[in-house]
Amino acid sequence: MYYKNKIKTLSEIFGTSDIQLDGALINIAGKVYPIVDDVIILLKSHQIPQRILEKIQGLTPDEESASSIAKDIQYTFGEEWKKYNEILPEHKDEFNLYFDLIDLQMLESKRIGDLGCGIGRWSYFLKDIAKEMVLIDFSESIFEARKNLSGSDNVIFIMADVLDLPFQDDAFDFIYCLGVLHHIPEPALQSVRKLSRLAPEFLVYLYYALDERGALYKCIFYLVDLIRKLVSNITSPSIRSILTELLMWLLYMPAIFVGKILSMLGAKANKVPFYSVYGHMNLGRIRQDVYDRFFTRIEQRVSKKEILKLSDTFSEIIVSNGLPYWHFLCRK
């Protein structure tokens, strides 16, 4: 009964005191949701991955409706994070890059929402700071997050569509959504506006539109993007593994090698494609990013100028000038 001592928190998030636990089910204001391996399933039955659906007894089928969920994206991220499910040392360095705009001490005693949590790699470094954490993902990766944060009792795990959350406004003190919204069918910046109701502060990362990059860099990007469009529909796990290795060694590693040589010679290597991001990473972490980069069909990109137009929703928008581009903090 993992949630027995979390009813008060759930009541505040859902905005109702009408919550009852009944074994592997939770009844929230008359709506019954299954719980699988300590994960509350808010997805509609036709949205739940088949392997999880088979674990649920007596679920009432619902009518299929319009949804922001793309099943192929759900499958891709579920498979990616089951394959690359470890919290790595590099993730701590990346966490520091993403959270350079955040005073972590200010998050003490706060309720934090991780929207599109994957394996919980960012929440892992916040679990001992925050009072409460709610991790949300629409893919099977949420079960990997549960394993990675198994030692923490201040975490709620929810399988749901982040754009269809039955939570009350300002359910959280702080939320973040890193590398998620550019992979779903809804316009990314419009999704940021939609999620603004959940917290007064919102940290976001969206792929940048190659702002101020030179012609050579853009040409390399368009080649890489063409490959992504060609291979992203492949679903065979074995073929994906083979292609991941080929793309890593034929595209990423030569550029990283050139960057390291230039750096050793005292030359500026930050503009060498892939080097500035991957030059310090081990092969396992690079592999995971190659998989992520090439097997995701939907990819949106935004410019800094477009991000600043979010001022129609937020009172303050701070865009970090550091990698990864662009991550930014929105305040209401």
C-alpha atoms as a PDB file:
ATOM      1  CA  MET A   1       0.000   0.000   0.000  1.00  0.00           C
ATOM      2  CA  TYR A   2       2.587   2.520  -1.177  1.00  0.00           C
ATOM      3  CA  TYR A   3       0.067   5.378  -1.326  1.00  0.00           C
ATOM      4  CA  LYS A   4      -1.528   4.832   2.076  1.00  0.00           C
ATOM      5  CA  ASN A   5       0.512   7.694   3.594  1.00  0.00           C
ATOM      6  CA  LYS A   6       0.179   9.930   0.521  1.00  0.00           C
ATOM      7  CA  ILE A   7      -3.579  10.536   0.469  1.00  0.00           C
ATOM      8  CA  LYS A   8      -3.201  14.131   1.699  1.00  0.00           C
ATOM      9  CA  THR A   9      -0.761  14.929  -1.108  1.00  0.00           C
ATOM     10  CA  LEU A  10      -2.990  13.266  -3.707  1.00  0.00           C
ATOM     11  CA  SER A  11      -5.982  15.220  -2.359  1.00  0.00           C
ATOM     12  CA  GLU A  12      -4.134  18.496  -2.832  1.00  0.00           C
ATOM     13  CA  ILE A  13      -2.959  17.581  -6.334  1.00  0.00           C
ATOM     14  CA  PHE A  14      -6.335  16.380  -7.590  1.00  0.00           C
ATOM     15  CA  GLY A  15      -8.279  19.017  -5.668  1.00  0.00           C
ATOM     16  CA  THR A  16     -10.586  16.602  -3.839  1.00  0.00           C
ATOM     17  CA  SER A  17     -10.723  14.865  -0.477  1.00  0.00           C
ATOM     18  CA  ASP A  18     -12.805  12.071  -2.006  1.00  0.00           C
ATOM     19  CA  ILE A  19     -10.014   9.523  -2.438  1.00  0.00           C
ATOM     20  CA  GLN A  20     -10.101   5.855  -1.454  1.00  0.00           C
ATOM     21  CA  LEU A  21      -7.556   3.107  -1.914  1.00  0.00           C
ATOM     22  CA  ASP A  22      -8.824  -0.371  -2.687  1.00  0.00           C
ATOM     23  CA  GLY A  23      -5.987  -2.791  -3.306  1.00  0.00           C
ATOM     24  CA  ALA A  24      -4.684  -2.222  -6.838  1.00  0.00           C
ATOM     25  CA  LEU A  25      -7.222   0.554  -7.484  1.00  0.00           C
ATOM     26  CA  ILE A  26      -7.581   4.162  -6.407  1.00  0.00           C
ATOM     27  CA  ASN A  27     -10.927   5.945  -6.520  1.00  0.00           C
ATOM     28  CA  ILE A  28     -10.581   9.691  -7.018  1.00  0.00           C
ATOM     29  CA  ALA A  29     -13.878  11.564  -6.871  1.00  0.00           C
ATOM     30  CA  GLY A  30     -15.733   8.640  -8.402  1.00  0.00           C
ATOM     31  CA  LYS A  31     -13.183   7.843 -11.098  1.00  0.00           C
ATOM     32  CA  VAL A  32     -11.349   4.562 -10.613  1.00  0.00           C
ATOM     33  CA  TYR A  33      -7.738   4.226 -11.736  1.00  0.00           C
ATOM     34  CA  PRO A  34      -5.553   1.097 -11.600  1.00  0.00           C
ATOM     35  CA  ILE A  35      -2.230   0.983  -9.766  1.00  0.00           C
ATOM     36  CA  VAL A  36       0.490  -1.191 -11.284  1.00  0.00           C
ATOM     37  CA  ASP A  37       3.821  -1.620  -9.458  1.00  0.00           C
ATOM     38  CA  ASP A  38       3.158   1.576  -7.467  1.00  0.00           C
ATOM     39  CA  VAL A  39       2.346   3.564 -10.621  1.00  0.00           C
ATOM     40  CA  ILE A  40      -1.090   5.199 -10.829  1.00  0.00           C
ATOM     41  CA  ILE A  41      -2.435   4.769 -14.370  1.00  0.00           C
ATOM     42  CA  LEU A  42      -4.410   7.806 -15.539  1.00  0.00           C
ATOM     43  CA  LEU A  43      -4.254   6.942 -19.239  1.00  0.00           C
ATOM     44  CA  LYS A  44      -7.441   5.876 -20.968  1.00  0.00           C
ATOM     45  CA  SER A  45      -7.583   2.161 -21.682  1.00  0.00           C
ATOM     46  CA  HIS A  46      -6.817   2.544 -25.405  1.00  0.00           C
ATOM     47  CA  GLN A  47      -3.729   4.602 -24.534  1.00  0.00           C
ATOM     48  CA  ILE A  48      -2.187   2.075 -22.152  1.00  0.00           C
ATOM     49  CA  PRO A  49       0.666  -0.028 -23.628  1.00  0.00           C
ATOM     50  CA  GLN A  50      -0.402  -3.637 -24.148  1.00  0.00           C
ATOM     51  CA  ARG A  51       2.138  -5.097 -21.703  1.00  0.00           C
ATOM     52  CA  ILE A  52       0.758  -2.905 -18.918  1.00  0.00           C
ATOM     53  CA  LEU A  53      -2.844  -3.455 -19.955  1.00  0.00           C
ATOM     54  CA  GLU A  54      -2.353  -7.203 -19.472  1.00  0.00           C
ATOM     55  CA  LYS A  55      -1.508  -6.585 -15.801  1.00  0.00           C
ATOM     56  CA  ILE A  56      -4.765  -4.762 -15.094  1.00  0.00           C
ATOM     57  CA  GLN A  57      -7.844  -6.718 -14.039  1.00  0.00           C
ATOM     58  CA  GLY A  58     -11.367  -5.581 -14.864  1.00  0.00           C
ATOM     59  CA  LEU A  59     -10.521  -2.319 -16.638  1.00  0.00           C
ATOM     60  CA  THR A  60     -13.550  -0.926 -18.457  1.00  0.00           C
ATOM     61  CA  PRO A  61     -12.753  -0.204 -22.128  1.00  0.00           C
ATOM     62  CA  ASP A  62     -13.350   3.378 -23.231  1.00  0.00           C
ATOM     63  CA  GLU A  63     -14.083   4.927 -26.565  1.00  0.00           C
ATOM     64  CA  GLU A  64     -11.064   6.158 -28.483  1.00  0.00           C
ATOM     65  CA  SER A  65     -10.901   9.923 -28.606  1.00  0.00           C
ATOM     66  CA  ALA A  66      -8.648  12.673 -29.877  1.00  0.00           C
ATOM     67  CA  SER A  67      -5.405  12.596 -27.916  1.00  0.00           C
ATOM     68  CA  SER A  68      -2.010  14.260 -27.828  1.00  0.00           C
ATOM     69  CA  ILE A  69      -0.467  10.804 -27.521  1.00  0.00           C
ATOM     70  CA  ALA A  70       1.343   9.464 -30.576  1.00  0.00           C
ATOM     71  CA  LYS A  71       1.554   5.718 -30.019  1.00  0.00           C
ATOM     72  CA  ASP A  72       4.829   5.378 -31.942  1.00  0.00           C
ATOM     73  CA  ILE A  73       6.454   8.060 -29.769  1.00  0.00           C
ATOM     74  CA  GLN A  74       5.108   6.351 -26.649  1.00  0.00           C
ATOM     75  CA  TYR A  75       6.601   3.057 -27.868  1.00  0.00           C
ATOM     76  CA  THR A  76       9.960   4.615 -28.783  1.00  0.00           C
ATOM     77  CA  PHE A  77      10.510   6.242 -25.422  1.00  0.00           C
ATOM     78  CA  GLY A  78       9.292   3.188 -23.568  1.00  0.00           C
ATOM     79  CA  GLU A  79      11.822   1.028 -25.424  1.00  0.00           C
ATOM     80  CA  GLU A  80      14.612   3.600 -25.135  1.00  0.00           C
ATOM     81  CA  TRP A  81      14.394   3.960 -21.387  1.00  0.00           C
ATOM     82  CA  LYS A  82      13.996   0.255 -20.746  1.00  0.00           C
ATOM     83  CA  LYS A  83      17.212  -0.254 -22.709  1.00  0.00           C
ATOM     84  CA  TYR A  84      19.118   2.707 -21.240  1.00  0.00           C
ATOM     85  CA  ASN A  85      17.655   2.623 -17.743  1.00  0.00           C
ATOM     86  CA  GLU A  86      20.611   3.490 -15.494  1.00  0.00           C
ATOM     87  CA  ILE A  87      21.340   6.803 -13.815  1.00  0.00           C
ATOM     88  CA  LEU A  88      24.846   7.622 -15.079  1.00  0.00           C
ATOM     89  CA  PRO A  89      27.543   9.957 -13.676  1.00  0.00           C
ATOM     90  CA  GLU A  90      27.109  12.130 -16.795  1.00  0.00           C
ATOM     91  CA  HIS A  91      23.501  12.748 -15.808  1.00  0.00           C
ATOM     92  CA  LYS A  92      24.672  14.765 -12.800  1.00  0.00           C
ATOM     93  CA  ASP A  93      26.676  17.075 -15.066  1.00  0.00           C
ATOM     94  CA  GLU A  94      23.700  17.432 -17.404  1.00  0.00           C
ATOM     95  CA  PHE A  95      21.418  18.117 -14.460  1.00  0.00           C
ATOM     96  CA  ASN A  96      23.658  21.021 -13.471  1.00  0.00           C
ATOM     97  CA  LEU A  97      23.440  22.431 -17.006  1.00  0.00           C
ATOM     98  CA  TYR A  98      19.639  22.257 -17.126  1.00  0.00           C
ATOM     99  CA  PHE A  99      19.205  23.701 -13.647  1.00  0.00           C
ATOM    100  CA  ASP A 100      21.680  26.579 -13.970  1.00  0.00           C
ATOM    101  CA  LEU A 101      18.742  29.014 -13.728  1.00  0.00           C
ATOM    102  CA  ILE A 102      17.412  27.465 -10.510  1.00  0.00           C
ATOM    103  CA  ASP A 103      18.400  28.133  -6.924  1.00  0.00           C
ATOM    104  CA  LEU A 104      18.114  24.557  -5.669  1.00  0.00           C
ATOM    105  CA  GLN A 105      17.882  25.666  -2.046  1.00  0.00           C
ATOM    106  CA  MET A 106      14.640  27.433  -2.938  1.00  0.00           C
ATOM    107  CA  LEU A 107      13.151  24.038  -3.830  1.00  0.00           C
ATOM    108  CA  GLU A 108      13.430  22.740  -0.290  1.00  0.00           C
ATOM    109  CA  SER A 109      10.030  21.947   1.232  1.00  0.00           C
ATOM    110  CA  LYS A 110       8.432  22.333  -2.216  1.00  0.00           C
ATOM    111  CA  ARG A 111       6.216  20.029  -4.269  1.00  0.00           C
ATOM    112  CA  ILE A 112       7.837  19.448  -7.672  1.00  0.00           C
ATOM    113  CA  GLY A 113       6.353  17.979 -10.827  1.00  0.00           C
ATOM    114  CA  ASP A 114       8.544  16.177 -13.384  1.00  0.00           C
ATOM    115  CA  LEU A 115       6.561  16.133 -16.635  1.00  0.00           C
ATOM    116  CA  GLY A 116       7.835  13.460 -19.003  1.00  0.00           C
ATOM    117  CA  CYS A 117      10.206  12.000 -16.431  1.00  0.00           C
ATOM    118  CA  GLY A 118      11.641   9.083 -18.427  1.00  0.00           C
ATOM    119  CA  ILE A 119      13.758   7.033 -16.020  1.00  0.00           C
ATOM    120  CA  GLY A 120      13.695   9.830 -13.430  1.00  0.00           C
ATOM    121  CA  ARG A 121      17.260  10.918 -14.184  1.00  0.00           C
ATOM    122  CA  TRP A 122      16.654  14.554 -13.156  1.00  0.00           C
ATOM    123  CA  SER A 123      14.336  13.818 -10.233  1.00  0.00           C
ATOM    124  CA  TYR A 124      17.009  11.509  -8.868  1.00  0.00           C
ATOM    125  CA  PHE A 125      19.094  14.593  -8.018  1.00  0.00           C
ATOM    126  CA  LEU A 126      16.142  16.464  -6.505  1.00  0.00           C
ATOM    127  CA  LYS A 127      14.588  13.702  -4.401  1.00  0.00           C
ATOM    128  CA  ASP A 128      16.573  14.615  -1.284  1.00  0.00           C
ATOM    129  CA  ILE A 129      15.880  18.345  -1.713  1.00  0.00           C
ATOM    130  CA  ALA A 130      12.171  18.505  -2.455  1.00  0.00           C
ATOM    131  CA  LYS A 131       9.452  17.821   0.088  1.00  0.00           C
ATOM    132  CA  GLU A 132       7.404  15.909  -2.483  1.00  0.00           C
ATOM    133  CA  MET A 133       7.884  14.873  -6.083  1.00  0.00           C
ATOM    134  CA  VAL A 134       5.375  13.746  -8.692  1.00  0.00           C
ATOM    135  CA  LEU A 135       6.856  11.931 -11.698  1.00  0.00           C
ATOM    136  CA  ILE A 136       4.684  11.663 -14.797  1.00  0.00           C
ATOM    137  CA  ASP A 137       5.283   9.856 -18.083  1.00  0.00           C
ATOM    138  CA  PHE A 138       3.050   8.317 -20.743  1.00  0.00           C
ATOM    139  CA  SER A 139       5.429   5.497 -21.587  1.00  0.00           C
ATOM    140  CA  GLU A 140       6.626   2.371 -19.797  1.00  0.00           C
ATOM    141  CA  SER A 141       9.688   4.341 -18.709  1.00  0.00           C
ATOM    142  CA  ILE A 142       7.698   5.416 -15.637  1.00  0.00           C
ATOM    143  CA  PHE A 143       8.277   1.920 -14.232  1.00  0.00           C
ATOM    144  CA  GLU A 144      12.031   2.374 -14.657  1.00  0.00           C
ATOM    145  CA  ALA A 145      11.730   5.664 -12.782  1.00  0.00           C
ATOM    146  CA  ARG A 146       9.968   3.800  -9.968  1.00  0.00           C
ATOM    147  CA  LYS A 147      12.936   1.422  -9.739  1.00  0.00           C
ATOM    148  CA  ASN A 148      15.511   4.221  -9.815  1.00  0.00           C
ATOM    149  CA  LEU A 149      13.764   6.110  -7.001  1.00  0.00           C
ATOM    150  CA  SER A 150      12.792   3.039  -5.002  1.00  0.00           C
ATOM    151  CA  GLY A 151      14.676   4.296  -1.956  1.00  0.00           C
ATOM    152  CA  SER A 152      12.560   7.458  -1.686  1.00  0.00           C
ATOM    153  CA  ASP A 153       9.181   7.609   0.024  1.00  0.00           C
ATOM    154  CA  ASN A 154       8.319  11.181  -1.006  1.00  0.00           C
ATOM    155  CA  VAL A 155       7.588  10.372  -4.656  1.00  0.00           C
ATOM    156  CA  ILE A 156       4.327   9.750  -6.518  1.00  0.00           C
ATOM    157  CA  PHE A 157       4.479   7.930  -9.870  1.00  0.00           C
ATOM    158  CA  ILE A 158       1.813   8.543 -12.505  1.00  0.00           C
ATOM    159  CA  MET A 159       1.405   7.174 -16.024  1.00  0.00           C
ATOM    160  CA  ALA A 160      -0.436   9.900 -17.904  1.00  0.00           C
ATOM    161  CA  ASP A 161      -0.497  12.277 -20.832  1.00  0.00           C
ATOM    162  CA  VAL A 162       1.134  15.465 -19.522  1.00  0.00           C
ATOM    163  CA  LEU A 163      -1.312  17.553 -21.559  1.00  0.00           C
ATOM    164  CA  ASP A 164      -4.334  15.801 -20.095  1.00  0.00           C
ATOM    165  CA  LEU A 165      -3.776  15.865 -16.346  1.00  0.00           C
ATOM    166  CA  PRO A 166      -6.835  16.026 -14.058  1.00  0.00           C
ATOM    167  CA  PHE A 167      -4.933  18.150 -11.525  1.00  0.00           C
ATOM    168  CA  GLN A 168      -6.053  21.385  -9.970  1.00  0.00           C
ATOM    169  CA  ASP A 169      -4.381  24.674 -10.904  1.00  0.00           C
ATOM    170  CA  ASP A 170      -1.129  25.401  -9.055  1.00  0.00           C
ATOM    171  CA  ALA A 171      -0.955  21.810  -7.861  1.00  0.00           C
ATOM    172  CA  PHE A 172       2.833  22.240  -7.689  1.00  0.00           C
ATOM    173  CA  ASP A 173       5.293  24.843  -6.481  1.00  0.00           C
ATOM    174  CA  PHE A 174       7.628  24.138  -9.403  1.00  0.00           C
ATOM    175  CA  ILE A 175       7.473  21.977 -12.532  1.00  0.00           C
ATOM    176  CA  TYR A 176       9.918  21.086 -15.262  1.00  0.00           C
ATOM    177  CA  CYS A 177       9.589  19.434 -18.643  1.00  0.00           C
ATOM    178  CA  LEU A 178      12.940  18.760 -20.295  1.00  0.00           C
ATOM    179  CA  GLY A 179      13.207  17.423 -23.835  1.00  0.00           C
ATOM    180  CA  VAL A 180       9.596  16.277 -24.069  1.00  0.00           C
ATOM    181  CA  LEU A 181       7.236  18.774 -25.682  1.00  0.00           C
ATOM    182  CA  HIS A 182       9.138  18.937 -28.974  1.00  0.00           C
ATOM    183  CA  HIS A 183       8.353  15.236 -29.507  1.00  0.00           C
ATOM    184  CA  ILE A 184       4.549  15.351 -29.289  1.00  0.00           C
ATOM    185  CA  PRO A 185       1.939  16.303 -31.929  1.00  0.00           C
ATOM    186  CA  GLU A 186       0.819  19.523 -30.212  1.00  0.00           C
ATOM    187  CA  PRO A 187       2.761  22.757 -30.981  1.00  0.00           C
ATOM    188  CA  ALA A 188       5.499  22.860 -28.345  1.00  0.00           C
ATOM    189  CA  LEU A 189       5.142  26.472 -27.246  1.00  0.00           C
ATOM    190  CA  GLN A 190       1.365  26.172 -27.083  1.00  0.00           C
ATOM    191  CA  SER A 191       1.889  23.170 -24.798  1.00  0.00           C
ATOM    192  CA  VAL A 192       4.062  25.331 -22.522  1.00  0.00           C
ATOM    193  CA  ARG A 193       1.203  27.819 -22.293  1.00  0.00           C
ATOM    194  CA  LYS A 194      -1.265  25.031 -21.514  1.00  0.00           C
ATOM    195  CA  LEU A 195       0.891  23.614 -18.715  1.00  0.00           C
ATOM    196  CA  SER A 196       1.463  27.036 -17.141  1.00  0.00           C
ATOM    197  CA  ARG A 197      -1.619  26.531 -14.950  1.00  0.00           C
ATOM    198  CA  LEU A 198       0.120  23.828 -12.901  1.00  0.00           C
ATOM    199  CA  ALA A 199       2.769  25.914 -11.088  1.00  0.00           C
ATOM    200  CA  PRO A 200       4.083  29.462 -10.673  1.00  0.00           C
ATOM    201  CA  GLU A 201       7.504  28.450 -12.060  1.00  0.00           C
ATOM    202  CA  PHE A 202       8.193  26.232 -15.055  1.00  0.00           C
ATOM    203  CA  LEU A 203      11.577  25.066 -16.381  1.00  0.00           C
ATOM    204  CA  VAL A 204      11.502  23.917 -20.017  1.00  0.00           C
ATOM    205  CA  TYR A 205      13.929  22.542 -22.589  1.00  0.00           C
ATOM    206  CA  LEU A 206      13.038  22.568 -26.281  1.00  0.00           C
ATOM    207  CA  TYR A 207      15.285  21.861 -29.267  1.00  0.00           C
ATOM    208  CA  TYR A 208      16.644  25.090 -30.696  1.00  0.00           C
ATOM    209  CA  ALA A 209      16.154  26.190 -34.298  1.00  0.00           C
ATOM    210  CA  LEU A 210      19.947  26.340 -34.883  1.00  0.00           C
ATOM    211  CA  ASP A 211      19.884  30.034 -33.956  1.00  0.00           C
ATOM    212  CA  GLU A 212      23.034  31.789 -35.199  1.00  0.00           C
ATOM    213  CA  ARG A 213      24.671  28.569 -36.372  1.00  0.00           C
ATOM    214  CA  GLY A 214      26.786  28.748 -39.531  1.00  0.00           C
ATOM    215  CA  ALA A 215      26.051  27.254 -42.933  1.00  0.00           C
ATOM    216  CA  LEU A 216      28.334  24.206 -42.462  1.00  0.00           C
ATOM    217  CA  TYR A 217      26.697  23.293 -39.151  1.00  0.00           C
ATOM    218  CA  LYS A 218      23.233  23.611 -40.677  1.00  0.00           C
ATOM    219  CA  CYS A 219      24.201  21.450 -43.649  1.00  0.00           C
ATOM    220  CA  ILE A 220      25.410  18.701 -41.299  1.00  0.00           C
ATOM    221  CA  PHE A 221      22.207  19.036 -39.294  1.00  0.00           C
ATOM    222  CA  TYR A 222      20.010  18.672 -42.375  1.00  0.00           C
ATOM    223  CA  LEU A 223      21.910  15.511 -43.340  1.00  0.00           C
ATOM    224  CA  VAL A 224      21.395  14.083 -39.845  1.00  0.00           C
ATOM    225  CA  ASP A 225      17.727  15.092 -39.896  1.00  0.00           C
ATOM    226  CA  LEU A 226      17.218  13.403 -43.254  1.00  0.00           C
ATOM    227  CA  ILE A 227      18.617  10.170 -41.795  1.00  0.00           C
ATOM    228  CA  ARG A 228      16.247  10.529 -38.820  1.00  0.00           C
ATOM    229  CA  LYS A 229      13.254  10.852 -41.124  1.00  0.00           C
ATOM    230  CA  LEU A 230      14.329   7.747 -43.016  1.00  0.00           C
ATOM    231  CA  VAL A 231      14.968   5.465 -40.031  1.00  0.00           C
ATOM    232  CA  SER A 232      12.554   6.730 -37.357  1.00  0.00           C
ATOM    233  CA  ASN A 233       9.741   4.415 -38.475  1.00  0.00           C
ATOM    234  CA  ILE A 234      11.855   1.294 -37.937  1.00  0.00           C
ATOM    235  CA  THR A 235      10.548  -0.546 -34.859  1.00  0.00           C
ATOM    236  CA  SER A 236      12.668  -3.721 -34.825  1.00  0.00           C
ATOM    237  CA  PRO A 237      14.774  -3.629 -31.628  1.00  0.00           C
ATOM    238  CA  SER A 238      17.674  -5.503 -33.271  1.00  0.00           C
ATOM    239  CA  ILE A 239      17.795  -3.212 -36.313  1.00  0.00           C
ATOM    240  CA  ARG A 240      17.575  -0.158 -34.065  1.00  0.00           C
ATOM    241  CA  SER A 241      20.547  -1.445 -32.053  1.00  0.00           C
ATOM    242  CA  ILE A 242      22.615  -2.025 -35.199  1.00  0.00           C
ATOM    243  CA  LEU A 243      21.763   1.410 -36.611  1.00  0.00           C
ATOM    244  CA  THR A 244      22.573   3.059 -33.279  1.00  0.00           C
ATOM    245  CA  GLU A 245      26.070   1.588 -33.373  1.00  0.00           C
ATOM    246  CA  LEU A 246      26.614   2.521 -37.029  1.00  0.00           C
ATOM    247  CA  LEU A 247      25.394   6.097 -36.596  1.00  0.00           C
ATOM    248  CA  MET A 248      27.436   6.592 -33.436  1.00  0.00           C
ATOM    249  CA  TRP A 249      30.694   5.374 -34.989  1.00  0.00           C
ATOM    250  CA  LEU A 250      30.213   6.866 -38.458  1.00  0.00           C
ATOM    251  CA  LEU A 251      28.698  10.261 -37.549  1.00  0.00           C
ATOM    252  CA  TYR A 252      29.314  11.142 -33.929  1.00  0.00           C
ATOM    253  CA  MET A 253      32.693   9.650 -33.067  1.00  0.00           C
ATOM    254  CA  PRO A 254      34.711  11.104 -36.012  1.00  0.00           C
ATOM    255  CA  ALA A 255      33.506  14.618 -35.144  1.00  0.00           C
ATOM    256  CA  ILE A 256      34.175  14.072 -31.437  1.00  0.00           C
ATOM    257  CA  PHE A 257      37.671  12.803 -32.281  1.00  0.00           C
ATOM    258  CA  VAL A 258      38.394  15.908 -34.405  1.00  0.00           C
ATOM    259  CA  GLY A 259      37.158  18.126 -31.590  1.00  0.00           C
ATOM    260  CA  LYS A 260      39.422  16.431 -29.062  1.00  0.00           C
ATOM    261  CA  ILE A 261      42.451  16.799 -31.332  1.00  0.00           C
ATOM    262  CA  LEU A 262      41.751  20.495 -31.874  1.00  0.00           C
ATOM    263  CA  SER A 263      41.268  20.978 -28.138  1.00  0.00           C
ATOM    264  CA  MET A 264      44.606  19.277 -27.400  1.00  0.00           C
ATOM    265  CA  LEU A 265      46.264  21.609 -29.910  1.00  0.00           C
ATOM    266  CA  GLY A 266      44.854  24.619 -28.119  1.00  0.00           C
ATOM    267  CA  ALA A 267      42.318  25.463 -30.821  1.00  0.00           C
ATOM    268  CA  LYS A 268      38.677  26.300 -30.149  1.00  0.00           C
ATOM    269  CA  ALA A 269      36.678  23.142 -30.670  1.00  0.00           C
ATOM    270  CA  ASN A 270      33.257  24.170 -29.374  1.00  0.00           C
ATOM    271  CA  LYS A 271      31.920  24.761 -32.869  1.00  0.00           C
ATOM    272  CA  VAL A 272      32.783  21.247 -34.020  1.00  0.00           C
ATOM    273  CA  PRO A 273      29.444  19.406 -34.400  1.00  0.00           C
ATOM    274  CA  PHE A 274      28.760  16.942 -31.541  1.00  0.00           C
ATOM    275  CA  TYR A 275      31.982  17.736 -29.674  1.00  0.00           C
ATOM    276  CA  SER A 276      30.684  20.477 -27.361  1.00  0.00           C
ATOM    277  CA  VAL A 277      27.860  18.235 -26.154  1.00  0.00           C
ATOM    278  CA  TYR A 278      29.372  14.735 -26.316  1.00  0.00           C
ATOM    279  CA  GLY A 279      33.115  15.276 -25.975  1.00  0.00           C
ATOM    280  CA  HIS A 280      33.073  14.466 -22.243  1.00  0.00           C
ATOM    281  CA  MET A 281      30.575  11.581 -22.365  1.00  0.00           C
ATOM    282  CA  ASN A 282      31.254   7.859 -22.324  1.00  0.00           C
ATOM    283  CA  LEU A 283      30.053   5.560 -25.097  1.00  0.00           C
ATOM    284  CA  GLY A 284      26.999   4.369 -23.188  1.00  0.00           C
ATOM    285  CA  ARG A 285      25.653   7.902 -22.778  1.00  0.00           C
ATOM    286  CA  ILE A 286      26.398   8.789 -26.420  1.00  0.00           C
ATOM    287  CA  ARG A 287      24.622   5.609 -27.542  1.00  0.00           C
ATOM    288  CA  GLN A 288      21.500   6.578 -25.646  1.00  0.00           C
ATOM    289  CA  ASP A 289      21.412  10.029 -27.243  1.00  0.00           C
ATOM    290  CA  VAL A 290      21.935   8.579 -30.730  1.00  0.00           C
ATOM    291  CA  TYR A 291      18.943   6.299 -30.162  1.00  0.00           C
ATOM    292  CA  ASP A 292      16.926   9.248 -28.880  1.00  0.00           C
ATOM    293  CA  ARG A 293      17.922  11.435 -31.813  1.00  0.00           C
ATOM    294  CA  PHE A 294      17.206   9.084 -34.700  1.00  0.00           C
ATOM    295  CA  PHE A 295      14.193   7.005 -33.675  1.00  0.00           C
ATOM    296  CA  THR A 296      11.747   9.765 -32.790  1.00  0.00           C
ATOM    297  CA  ARG A 297       9.433  10.680 -35.651  1.00  0.00           C
ATOM    298  CA  ILE A 298       8.208  14.027 -34.294  1.00  0.00           C
ATOM    299  CA  GLU A 299      10.770  16.764 -33.776  1.00  0.00           C
ATOM    300  CA  GLN A 300       9.914  20.431 -33.291  1.00  0.00           C
ATOM    301  CA  ARG A 301      12.456  23.255 -33.035  1.00  0.00           C
ATOM    302  CA  VAL A 302      11.998  26.785 -31.702  1.00  0.00           C
ATOM    303  CA  SER A 303      14.044  29.966 -31.800  1.00  0.00           C
ATOM    304  CA  LYS A 304      14.895  32.189 -28.863  1.00  0.00           C
ATOM    305  CA  LYS A 305      12.734  34.899 -30.413  1.00  0.00           C
ATOM    306  CA  GLU A 306       9.748  32.545 -30.462  1.00  0.00           C
ATOM    307  CA  ILE A 307      10.331  31.548 -26.835  1.00  0.00           C
ATOM    308  CA  LEU A 308      10.251  35.190 -25.738  1.00  0.00           C
ATOM    309  CA  LYS A 309       6.756  35.499 -27.225  1.00  0.00           C
ATOM    310  CA  LEU A 310       5.609  33.423 -24.257  1.00  0.00           C
ATOM    311  CA  SER A 311       5.444  36.787 -22.495  1.00  0.00           C
ATOM    312  CA  ASP A 312       1.761  36.711 -23.474  1.00  0.00           C
ATOM    313  CA  THR A 313       1.362  34.036 -20.764  1.00  0.00           C
ATOM    314  CA  PHE A 314       4.229  34.572 -18.304  1.00  0.00           C
ATOM    315  CA  SER A 315       5.407  37.701 -16.516  1.00  0.00           C
ATOM    316  CA  GLU A 316       9.074  36.683 -16.800  1.00  0.00           C
ATOM    317  CA  ILE A 317      10.998  34.452 -19.186  1.00  0.00           C
ATOM    318  CA  ILE A 318      14.702  33.769 -18.641  1.00  0.00           C
ATOM    319  CA  VAL A 319      16.506  31.932 -21.449  1.00  0.00           C
ATOM    320  CA  SER A 320      19.846  30.398 -20.508  1.00  0.00           C
ATOM    321  CA  ASN A 321      22.763  31.215 -22.783  1.00  0.00           C
ATOM    322  CA  GLY A 322      24.401  27.917 -21.877  1.00  0.00           C
ATOM    323  CA  LEU A 323      23.943  24.428 -23.278  1.00  0.00           C
ATOM    324  CA  PRO A 324      21.627  22.752 -23.962  1.00  0.00           C
ATOM    325  CA  TYR A 325      19.850  25.174 -26.316  1.00  0.00           C
ATOM    326  CA  TRP A 326      17.219  26.294 -25.467  1.00  0.00           C
ATOM    327  CA  HIS A 327      16.361  25.758 -21.831  1.00  0.00           C
ATOM    328  CA  PHE A 328      14.447  28.505 -20.116  1.00  0.00           C
ATOM    329  CA  LEU A 329      12.579  29.424 -16.956  1.00  0.00           C
ATOM    330  CA  CYS A 330       9.044  30.811 -17.039  1.00  0.00           C
ATOM    331  CA  ARG A 331       7.451  32.673 -14.131  1.00  0.00           C
ATOM    332  CA  LYS A 332       3.788  33.641 -13.948  1.00  0.00           C
END
